[in-house]
């Protein structure tokens, strides 16, 4: 993680929150693991957030069903 990366993001309730770093993480997929880049570290967050808009910008399709989110790589 690059702890020198500092920024702010605006949440759905229009409140700003401080980003304390940026890095990558691996998520489990059907065929093993997939690296997801540009993941923000936000110390004050109690839960993970997924930016649907950012995922779409990175060429992913998302499907929400049965309280789950399925993410498909268009490539």
PDB file of N, CA and C in Angstrom:
ATOM      1  N   UNK A   1       0.843  -1.184   0.000  1.00  0.00           N
ATOM      2  CA  UNK A   1       0.000   0.000   0.000  1.00  0.00           C
ATOM      3  C   UNK A   1       0.884   1.240   0.000  1.00  0.00           C
ATOM      4  N   UNK A   2       0.494   2.202  -0.779  1.00  0.00           N
ATOM      5  CA  UNK A   2       1.183   3.487  -0.842  1.00  0.00           C
ATOM      6  C   UNK A   2       0.519   4.435   0.165  1.00  0.00           C
ATOM      7  N   UNK A   3       1.135   4.567   1.332  1.00  0.00           N
ATOM      8  CA  UNK A   3       0.571   5.404   2.384  1.00  0.00           C
ATOM      9  C   UNK A   3       0.751   6.897   2.112  1.00  0.00           C
ATOM     10  N   UNK A   4       1.536   7.249   1.101  1.00  0.00           N
ATOM     11  CA  UNK A   4       1.708   8.660   0.766  1.00  0.00           C
ATOM     12  C   UNK A   4       0.518   9.194  -0.035  1.00  0.00           C
ATOM     13  N   UNK A   5      -0.311   8.300  -0.577  1.00  0.00           N
ATOM     14  CA  UNK A   5      -1.481   8.727  -1.332  1.00  0.00           C
ATOM     15  C   UNK A   5      -2.538   9.228  -0.358  1.00  0.00           C
ATOM     16  N   UNK A   6      -2.917  10.479  -0.495  1.00  0.00           N
ATOM     17  CA  UNK A   6      -3.944  11.101   0.351  1.00  0.00           C
ATOM     18  C   UNK A   6      -4.983  11.745  -0.553  1.00  0.00           C
ATOM     19  N   UNK A   7      -6.227  11.604  -0.181  1.00  0.00           N
ATOM     20  CA  UNK A   7      -7.310  12.172  -0.960  1.00  0.00           C
ATOM     21  C   UNK A   7      -8.553  12.212  -0.092  1.00  0.00           C
ATOM     22  N   UNK A   8      -9.625  12.699  -0.638  1.00  0.00           N
ATOM     23  CA  UNK A   8     -10.925  12.634   0.012  1.00  0.00           C
ATOM     24  C   UNK A   8     -11.918  12.083  -0.996  1.00  0.00           C
ATOM     25  N   UNK A   9     -12.886  11.344  -0.490  1.00  0.00           N
ATOM     26  CA  UNK A   9     -13.991  10.916  -1.335  1.00  0.00           C
ATOM     27  C   UNK A   9     -15.279  11.409  -0.701  1.00  0.00           C
ATOM     28  N   UNK A  10     -16.293  11.556  -1.523  1.00  0.00           N
ATOM     29  CA  UNK A  10     -17.604  11.989  -1.058  1.00  0.00           C
ATOM     30  C   UNK A  10     -18.512  10.765  -1.044  1.00  0.00           C
ATOM     31  N   UNK A  11     -19.111  10.500   0.120  1.00  0.00           N
ATOM     32  CA  UNK A  11     -20.005   9.360   0.272  1.00  0.00           C
ATOM     33  C   UNK A  11     -21.406   9.705  -0.214  1.00  0.00           C
ATOM     34  N   UNK A  12     -22.279   8.716  -0.232  1.00  0.00           N
ATOM     35  CA  UNK A  12     -23.637   8.895  -0.727  1.00  0.00           C
ATOM     36  C   UNK A  12     -24.448   9.930   0.032  1.00  0.00           C
ATOM     37  N   UNK A  13     -24.079  10.187   1.283  1.00  0.00           N
ATOM     38  CA  UNK A  13     -24.789  11.203   2.076  1.00  0.00           C
ATOM     39  C   UNK A  13     -24.118  12.573   1.985  1.00  0.00           C
ATOM     40  N   UNK A  14     -23.232  12.749   0.992  1.00  0.00           N
ATOM     41  CA  UNK A  14     -22.502  13.989   0.722  1.00  0.00           C
ATOM     42  C   UNK A  14     -21.464  14.344   1.780  1.00  0.00           C
ATOM     43  N   UNK A  15     -21.111  13.416   2.659  1.00  0.00           N
ATOM     44  CA  UNK A  15     -20.049  13.657   3.633  1.00  0.00           C
ATOM     45  C   UNK A  15     -18.711  13.250   3.022  1.00  0.00           C
ATOM     46  N   UNK A  16     -17.675  14.051   3.314  1.00  0.00           N
ATOM     47  CA  UNK A  16     -16.325  13.755   2.840  1.00  0.00           C
ATOM     48  C   UNK A  16     -15.610  12.886   3.860  1.00  0.00           C
ATOM     49  N   UNK A  17     -14.783  11.964   3.374  1.00  0.00           N
ATOM     50  CA  UNK A  17     -14.000  11.105   4.251  1.00  0.00           C
ATOM     51  C   UNK A  17     -12.580  11.011   3.689  1.00  0.00           C
ATOM     52  N   UNK A  18     -11.607  10.956   4.581  1.00  0.00           N
ATOM     53  CA  UNK A  18     -10.194  10.993   4.207  1.00  0.00           C
ATOM     54  C   UNK A  18      -9.689   9.620   3.758  1.00  0.00           C
ATOM     55  N   UNK A  19      -9.018   9.590   2.610  1.00  0.00           N
ATOM     56  CA  UNK A  19      -8.328   8.396   2.120  1.00  0.00           C
ATOM     57  C   UNK A  19      -6.904   8.447   2.663  1.00  0.00           C
ATOM     58  N   UNK A  20      -6.461   7.369   3.305  1.00  0.00           N
ATOM     59  CA  UNK A  20      -5.152   7.328   3.961  1.00  0.00           C
ATOM     60  C   UNK A  20      -4.106   6.538   3.181  1.00  0.00           C
ATOM     61  N   UNK A  21      -4.474   5.995   2.029  1.00  0.00           N
ATOM     62  CA  UNK A  21      -3.521   5.236   1.224  1.00  0.00           C
ATOM     63  C   UNK A  21      -4.236   4.525   0.093  1.00  0.00           C
ATOM     64  N   UNK A  22      -3.436   3.980  -0.831  1.00  0.00           N
ATOM     65  CA  UNK A  22      -4.001   3.266  -1.967  1.00  0.00           C
ATOM     66  C   UNK A  22      -3.107   2.070  -2.274  1.00  0.00           C
ATOM     67  N   UNK A  23      -3.734   0.974  -2.670  1.00  0.00           N
ATOM     68  CA  UNK A  23      -2.954  -0.213  -2.995  1.00  0.00           C
ATOM     69  C   UNK A  23      -3.750  -1.167  -3.853  1.00  0.00           C
ATOM     70  N   UNK A  24      -3.437  -2.435  -3.720  1.00  0.00           N
ATOM     71  CA  UNK A  24      -4.114  -3.488  -4.471  1.00  0.00           C
ATOM     72  C   UNK A  24      -4.505  -4.598  -3.511  1.00  0.00           C
ATOM     73  N   UNK A  25      -5.478  -5.395  -3.916  1.00  0.00           N
ATOM     74  CA  UNK A  25      -5.869  -6.555  -3.125  1.00  0.00           C
ATOM     75  C   UNK A  25      -6.282  -7.666  -4.064  1.00  0.00           C
ATOM     76  N   UNK A  26      -6.268  -8.886  -3.557  1.00  0.00           N
ATOM     77  CA  UNK A  26      -6.713 -10.024  -4.348  1.00  0.00           C
ATOM     78  C   UNK A  26      -8.078 -10.472  -3.860  1.00  0.00           C
ATOM     79  N   UNK A  27      -8.928 -10.813  -4.825  1.00  0.00           N
ATOM     80  CA  UNK A  27     -10.233 -11.359  -4.494  1.00  0.00           C
ATOM     81  C   UNK A  27     -10.341 -12.743  -5.108  1.00  0.00           C
ATOM     82  N   UNK A  28     -11.119 -13.603  -4.477  1.00  0.00           N
ATOM     83  CA  UNK A  28     -11.311 -14.963  -4.985  1.00  0.00           C
ATOM     84  C   UNK A  28     -12.297 -14.951  -6.137  1.00  0.00           C
ATOM     85  N   UNK A  29     -11.956 -15.659  -7.190  1.00  0.00           N
ATOM     86  CA  UNK A  29     -12.854 -15.840  -8.330  1.00  0.00           C
ATOM     87  C   UNK A  29     -12.927 -17.332  -8.630  1.00  0.00           C
ATOM     88  N   UNK A  30     -13.764 -17.684  -9.578  1.00  0.00           N
ATOM     89  CA  UNK A  30     -13.951 -19.099  -9.918  1.00  0.00           C
ATOM     90  C   UNK A  30     -12.652 -19.783 -10.309  1.00  0.00           C
ATOM     91  N   UNK A  31     -11.753 -19.075 -10.944  1.00  0.00           N
ATOM     92  CA  UNK A  31     -10.514 -19.667 -11.460  1.00  0.00           C
ATOM     93  C   UNK A  31      -9.291 -19.298 -10.621  1.00  0.00           C
ATOM     94  N   UNK A  32      -9.467 -19.006  -9.358  1.00  0.00           N
ATOM     95  CA  UNK A  32      -8.337 -18.648  -8.504  1.00  0.00           C
ATOM     96  C   UNK A  32      -8.514 -17.291  -7.869  1.00  0.00           C
ATOM     97  N   UNK A  33      -7.560 -16.394  -8.107  1.00  0.00           N
ATOM     98  CA  UNK A  33      -7.594 -15.043  -7.544  1.00  0.00           C
ATOM     99  C   UNK A  33      -7.445 -14.009  -8.645  1.00  0.00           C
ATOM    100  N   UNK A  34      -7.954 -12.826  -8.381  1.00  0.00           N
ATOM    101  CA  UNK A  34      -7.837 -11.700  -9.313  1.00  0.00           C
ATOM    102  C   UNK A  34      -7.356 -10.495  -8.527  1.00  0.00           C
ATOM    103  N   UNK A  35      -6.368  -9.799  -9.070  1.00  0.00           N
ATOM    104  CA  UNK A  35      -5.843  -8.596  -8.430  1.00  0.00           C
ATOM    105  C   UNK A  35      -6.704  -7.397  -8.811  1.00  0.00           C
ATOM    106  N   UNK A  36      -7.116  -6.637  -7.801  1.00  0.00           N
ATOM    107  CA  UNK A  36      -7.879  -5.410  -8.012  1.00  0.00           C
ATOM    108  C   UNK A  36      -6.985  -4.255  -7.586  1.00  0.00           C
ATOM    109  N   UNK A  37      -6.719  -3.364  -8.519  1.00  0.00           N
ATOM    110  CA  UNK A  37      -5.849  -2.207  -8.267  1.00  0.00           C
ATOM    111  C   UNK A  37      -6.668  -0.995  -7.835  1.00  0.00           C
ATOM    112  N   UNK A  38      -5.973   0.013  -7.371  1.00  0.00           N
ATOM    113  CA  UNK A  38      -6.569   1.302  -6.995  1.00  0.00           C
ATOM    114  C   UNK A  38      -7.598   1.155  -5.875  1.00  0.00           C
ATOM    115  N   UNK A  39      -7.265   0.360  -4.863  1.00  0.00           N
ATOM    116  CA  UNK A  39      -8.120   0.165  -3.695  1.00  0.00           C
ATOM    117  C   UNK A  39      -7.712   1.194  -2.646  1.00  0.00           C
ATOM    118  N   UNK A  40      -8.682   1.950  -2.169  1.00  0.00           N
ATOM    119  CA  UNK A  40      -8.406   2.976  -1.169  1.00  0.00           C
ATOM    120  C   UNK A  40      -8.447   2.391   0.237  1.00  0.00           C
ATOM    121  N   UNK A  41      -7.546   2.873   1.098  1.00  0.00           N
ATOM    122  CA  UNK A  41      -7.577   2.544   2.517  1.00  0.00           C
ATOM    123  C   UNK A  41      -8.134   3.739   3.260  1.00  0.00           C
ATOM    124  N   UNK A  42      -9.228   3.496   3.983  1.00  0.00           N
ATOM    125  CA  UNK A  42      -9.893   4.554   4.738  1.00  0.00           C
ATOM    126  C   UNK A  42     -10.028   4.059   6.171  1.00  0.00           C
ATOM    127  N   UNK A  43      -9.220   4.606   7.055  1.00  0.00           N
ATOM    128  CA  UNK A  43      -9.121   4.150   8.439  1.00  0.00           C
ATOM    129  C   UNK A  43     -10.469   4.139   9.149  1.00  0.00           C
ATOM    130  N   UNK A  44     -11.300   5.139   8.918  1.00  0.00           N
ATOM    131  CA  UNK A  44     -12.537   5.301   9.686  1.00  0.00           C
ATOM    132  C   UNK A  44     -13.682   4.409   9.209  1.00  0.00           C
ATOM    133  N   UNK A  45     -13.519   3.713   8.108  1.00  0.00           N
ATOM    134  CA  UNK A  45     -14.606   2.887   7.576  1.00  0.00           C
ATOM    135  C   UNK A  45     -14.759   1.607   8.390  1.00  0.00           C
ATOM    136  N   UNK A  46     -15.985   1.286   8.742  1.00  0.00           N
ATOM    137  CA  UNK A  46     -16.270   0.051   9.468  1.00  0.00           C
ATOM    138  C   UNK A  46     -16.601  -1.093   8.515  1.00  0.00           C
ATOM    139  N   UNK A  47     -16.971  -0.756   7.278  1.00  0.00           N
ATOM    140  CA  UNK A  47     -17.366  -1.757   6.286  1.00  0.00           C
ATOM    141  C   UNK A  47     -16.696  -1.431   4.954  1.00  0.00           C
ATOM    142  N   UNK A  48     -16.552  -2.439   4.129  1.00  0.00           N
ATOM    143  CA  UNK A  48     -16.003  -2.240   2.793  1.00  0.00           C
ATOM    144  C   UNK A  48     -17.035  -1.566   1.904  1.00  0.00           C
ATOM    145  N   UNK A  49     -16.555  -0.754   0.986  1.00  0.00           N
ATOM    146  CA  UNK A  49     -17.418  -0.124  -0.008  1.00  0.00           C
ATOM    147  C   UNK A  49     -16.933  -0.505  -1.396  1.00  0.00           C
ATOM    148  N   UNK A  50     -17.864  -0.620  -2.300  1.00  0.00           N
ATOM    149  CA  UNK A  50     -17.554  -0.899  -3.695  1.00  0.00           C
ATOM    150  C   UNK A  50     -18.133   0.224  -4.535  1.00  0.00           C
ATOM    151  N   UNK A  51     -17.305   0.874  -5.321  1.00  0.00           N
ATOM    152  CA  UNK A  51     -17.775   1.935  -6.199  1.00  0.00           C
ATOM    153  C   UNK A  51     -18.211   1.314  -7.527  1.00  0.00           C
ATOM    154  N   UNK A  52     -19.511   1.266  -7.733  1.00  0.00           N
ATOM    155  CA  UNK A  52     -20.047   0.696  -8.964  1.00  0.00           C
ATOM    156  C   UNK A  52     -19.535   1.481 -10.165  1.00  0.00           C
ATOM    157  N   UNK A  53     -19.547   2.792 -10.064  1.00  0.00           N
ATOM    158  CA  UNK A  53     -19.072   3.625 -11.169  1.00  0.00           C
ATOM    159  C   UNK A  53     -17.616   3.361 -11.510  1.00  0.00           C
ATOM    160  N   UNK A  54     -16.767   3.242 -10.492  1.00  0.00           N
ATOM    161  CA  UNK A  54     -15.343   2.970 -10.723  1.00  0.00           C
ATOM    162  C   UNK A  54     -15.141   1.596 -11.345  1.00  0.00           C
ATOM    163  N   UNK A  55     -15.904   0.597 -10.890  1.00  0.00           N
ATOM    164  CA  UNK A  55     -15.787  -0.744 -11.469  1.00  0.00           C
ATOM    165  C   UNK A  55     -16.203  -0.734 -12.941  1.00  0.00           C
ATOM    166  N   UNK A  56     -17.249   0.003 -13.258  1.00  0.00           N
ATOM    167  CA  UNK A  56     -17.689   0.101 -14.650  1.00  0.00           C
ATOM    168  C   UNK A  56     -16.646   0.830 -15.494  1.00  0.00           C
ATOM    169  N   UNK A  57     -16.026   1.851 -14.922  1.00  0.00           N
ATOM    170  CA  UNK A  57     -14.956   2.563 -15.629  1.00  0.00           C
ATOM    171  C   UNK A  57     -13.796   1.636 -15.971  1.00  0.00           C
ATOM    172  N   UNK A  58     -13.578   0.617 -15.131  1.00  0.00           N
ATOM    173  CA  UNK A  58     -12.477  -0.333 -15.325  1.00  0.00           C
ATOM    174  C   UNK A  58     -12.903  -1.543 -16.157  1.00  0.00           C
ATOM    175  N   UNK A  59     -14.059  -1.454 -16.813  1.00  0.00           N
ATOM    176  CA  UNK A  59     -14.525  -2.467 -17.764  1.00  0.00           C
ATOM    177  C   UNK A  59     -15.093  -3.726 -17.103  1.00  0.00           C
ATOM    178  N   UNK A  60     -15.759  -3.571 -15.946  1.00  0.00           N
ATOM    179  CA  UNK A  60     -16.431  -4.682 -15.288  1.00  0.00           C
ATOM    180  C   UNK A  60     -17.938  -4.524 -15.418  1.00  0.00           C
ATOM    181  N   UNK A  61     -18.638  -5.644 -15.464  1.00  0.00           N
ATOM    182  CA  UNK A  61     -20.097  -5.667 -15.353  1.00  0.00           C
ATOM    183  C   UNK A  61     -20.436  -6.141 -13.959  1.00  0.00           C
ATOM    184  N   UNK A  62     -21.470  -5.562 -13.358  1.00  0.00           N
ATOM    185  CA  UNK A  62     -21.893  -5.958 -12.015  1.00  0.00           C
ATOM    186  C   UNK A  62     -23.351  -6.382 -12.038  1.00  0.00           C
ATOM    187  N   UNK A  63     -23.662  -7.457 -11.313  1.00  0.00           N
ATOM    188  CA  UNK A  63     -25.032  -7.920 -11.203  1.00  0.00           C
ATOM    189  C   UNK A  63     -25.343  -8.138  -9.725  1.00  0.00           C
ATOM    190  N   UNK A  64     -26.400  -7.498  -9.243  1.00  0.00           N
ATOM    191  CA  UNK A  64     -26.808  -7.615  -7.847  1.00  0.00           C
ATOM    192  C   UNK A  64     -28.034  -8.521  -7.772  1.00  0.00           C
ATOM    193  N   UNK A  65     -27.918  -9.572  -6.934  1.00  0.00           N
ATOM    194  CA  UNK A  65     -29.008 -10.523  -6.810  1.00  0.00           C
ATOM    195  C   UNK A  65     -28.855 -11.293  -5.496  1.00  0.00           C
ATOM    196  N   UNK A  66     -29.934 -11.507  -4.794  1.00  0.00           N
ATOM    197  CA  UNK A  66     -29.936 -12.283  -3.548  1.00  0.00           C
ATOM    198  C   UNK A  66     -28.891 -11.784  -2.548  1.00  0.00           C
ATOM    199  N   UNK A  67     -28.822 -10.469  -2.377  1.00  0.00           N
ATOM    200  CA  UNK A  67     -27.891  -9.833  -1.421  1.00  0.00           C
ATOM    201  C   UNK A  67     -26.427 -10.109  -1.745  1.00  0.00           C
ATOM    202  N   UNK A  68     -26.137 -10.397  -3.010  1.00  0.00           N
ATOM    203  CA  UNK A  68     -24.767 -10.620  -3.459  1.00  0.00           C
ATOM    204  C   UNK A  68     -24.499  -9.757  -4.682  1.00  0.00           C
ATOM    205  N   UNK A  69     -23.223  -9.496  -4.911  1.00  0.00           N
ATOM    206  CA  UNK A  69     -22.807  -8.769  -6.100  1.00  0.00           C
ATOM    207  C   UNK A  69     -21.883  -9.674  -6.897  1.00  0.00           C
ATOM    208  N   UNK A  70     -22.250  -9.963  -8.125  1.00  0.00           N
ATOM    209  CA  UNK A  70     -21.398 -10.731  -9.024  1.00  0.00           C
ATOM    210  C   UNK A  70     -20.708  -9.756  -9.958  1.00  0.00           C
ATOM    211  N   UNK A  71     -19.394  -9.902 -10.082  1.00  0.00           N
ATOM    212  CA  UNK A  71     -18.597  -8.997 -10.890  1.00  0.00           C
ATOM    213  C   UNK A  71     -18.015  -9.782 -12.060  1.00  0.00           C
ATOM    214  N   UNK A  72     -18.240  -9.275 -13.261  1.00  0.00           N
ATOM    215  CA  UNK A  72     -17.761  -9.933 -14.469  1.00  0.00           C
ATOM    216  C   UNK A  72     -16.782  -9.028 -15.180  1.00  0.00           C
ATOM    217  N   UNK A  73     -15.647  -9.606 -15.557  1.00  0.00           N
ATOM    218  CA  UNK A  73     -14.622  -8.882 -16.321  1.00  0.00           C
ATOM    219  C   UNK A  73     -14.977  -8.992 -17.802  1.00  0.00           C
ATOM    220  N   UNK A  74     -15.244  -7.861 -18.463  1.00  0.00           N
ATOM    221  CA  UNK A  74     -15.605  -7.882 -19.877  1.00  0.00           C
ATOM    222  C   UNK A  74     -14.503  -8.430 -20.756  1.00  0.00           C
ATOM    223  N   UNK A  75     -13.276  -8.361 -20.258  1.00  0.00           N
ATOM    224  CA  UNK A  75     -12.158  -8.856 -21.053  1.00  0.00           C
ATOM    225  C   UNK A  75     -12.052 -10.367 -20.928  1.00  0.00           C
TER     226      UNK A  75
END
